[in-house]
C-alpha atoms as a PDB file:
ATOM      1  CA  MET A   1     -25.802  97.064  44.487  1.00  0.00           C
ATOM      2  CA  LYS A   2     -27.280  95.148  41.548  1.00  0.00           C
ATOM      3  CA  GLU A   3     -30.868  93.958  41.438  1.00  0.00           C
ATOM      4  CA  ARG A   4     -32.340  91.893  38.634  1.00  0.00           C
ATOM      5  CA  ILE A   5     -35.840  91.625  37.197  1.00  0.00           C
ATOM      6  CA  VAL A   6     -36.821  88.866  34.783  1.00  0.00           C
ATOM      7  CA  GLY A   7     -39.572  88.969  32.176  1.00  0.00           C
ATOM      8  CA  GLU A   8     -40.390  88.317  28.534  1.00  0.00           C
ATOM      9  CA  ARG A   9     -40.981  92.012  27.910  1.00  0.00           C
ATOM     10  CA  ILE A  10     -39.461  94.823  30.001  1.00  0.00           C
ATOM     11  CA  ILE A  11     -39.984  98.565  29.562  1.00  0.00           C
ATOM     12  CA  CYS A  12     -37.412 101.047  30.898  1.00  0.00           C
ATOM     13  CA  ILE A  13     -37.800 104.756  31.572  1.00  0.00           C
ATOM     14  CA  GLY A  14     -34.861 107.102  32.084  1.00  0.00           C
ATOM     15  CA  ARG A  15     -33.207 110.298  30.969  1.00  0.00           C
ATOM     16  CA  ARG A  16     -30.321 108.737  29.061  1.00  0.00           C
ATOM     17  CA  ILE A  17     -29.601 105.391  27.390  1.00  0.00           C
ATOM     18  CA  SER A  18     -26.304 103.956  26.233  1.00  0.00           C
ATOM     19  CA  LYS A  19     -25.506 102.789  22.741  1.00  0.00           C
ATOM     20  CA  PRO A  20     -26.944  99.258  22.239  1.00  0.00           C
ATOM     21  CA  LYS A  21     -24.291  96.510  22.489  1.00  0.00           C
ATOM     22  CA  LEU A  22     -24.631  93.088  20.886  1.00  0.00           C
ATOM     23  CA  ILE A  23     -23.642  90.461  23.462  1.00  0.00           C
ATOM     24  CA  HIS A  24     -23.419  86.677  23.332  1.00  0.00           C
ATOM     25  CA  TYR A  25     -26.111  84.995  25.370  1.00  0.00           C
ATOM     26  CA  THR A  26     -26.743  81.268  25.792  1.00  0.00           C
ATOM     27  CA  HIS A  27     -25.304  79.027  23.055  1.00  0.00           C
ATOM     28  CA  ARG A  28     -25.790  80.641  19.624  1.00  0.00           C
ATOM     29  CA  HIS A  29     -28.329  83.227  20.756  1.00  0.00           C
ATOM     30  CA  ARG A  30     -27.475  86.902  20.835  1.00  0.00           C
ATOM     31  CA  ALA A  31     -28.937  89.655  22.964  1.00  0.00           C
ATOM     32  CA  ILE A  32     -28.783  93.440  23.156  1.00  0.00           C
ATOM     33  CA  GLN A  33     -27.566  95.209  26.274  1.00  0.00           C
ATOM     34  CA  VAL A  34     -28.546  98.819  27.024  1.00  0.00           C
ATOM     35  CA  THR A  35     -27.834 100.880  30.142  1.00  0.00           C
ATOM     36  CA  VAL A  36     -30.584 103.274  31.229  1.00  0.00           C
ATOM     37  CA  GLU A  37     -29.676 106.187  33.511  1.00  0.00           C
ATOM     38  CA  GLY A  38     -31.935 108.636  35.253  1.00  0.00           C
ATOM     39  CA  PHE A  39     -33.068 110.062  38.524  1.00  0.00           C
ATOM     40  CA  PRO A  40     -34.711 107.603  39.054  1.00  0.00           C
ATOM     41  CA  ALA A  41     -34.357 105.043  36.259  1.00  0.00           C
ATOM     42  CA  ILE A  42     -37.391 102.749  36.238  1.00  0.00           C
ATOM     43  CA  ALA A  43     -37.840  99.252  34.776  1.00  0.00           C
ATOM     44  CA  GLU A  44     -41.186  97.458  34.690  1.00  0.00           C
ATOM     45  CA  VAL A  45     -42.073  93.951  33.585  1.00  0.00           C
ATOM     46  CA  VAL A  46     -44.822  94.225  30.956  1.00  0.00           C
ATOM     47  CA  LYS A  47     -45.087  90.490  30.244  1.00  0.00           C
ATOM     48  CA  ALA A  48     -44.060  88.048  32.967  1.00  0.00           C
ATOM     49  CA  TRP A  49     -41.619  85.254  32.156  1.00  0.00           C
ATOM     50  CA  ARG A  50     -43.005  81.743  32.277  1.00  0.00           C
ATOM     51  CA  MET A  51     -41.725  78.258  31.595  1.00  0.00           C
ATOM     52  CA  LYS A  52     -43.231  76.545  28.562  1.00  0.00           C
ATOM     53  CA  LYS A  53     -44.088  72.872  28.907  1.00  0.00           C
END
């Protein structure tokens, strides 16, 4: 089961991380994808995402 959190800044805590992968995001932007594993693996939103006017 996948669950998603959204934020401008996210911190993850785990025992193991995967090698960072460069992925294509929207249009010309690029992003980095990392898998965090642990027992348990924890992700927290440090800075909430907001729409800019």
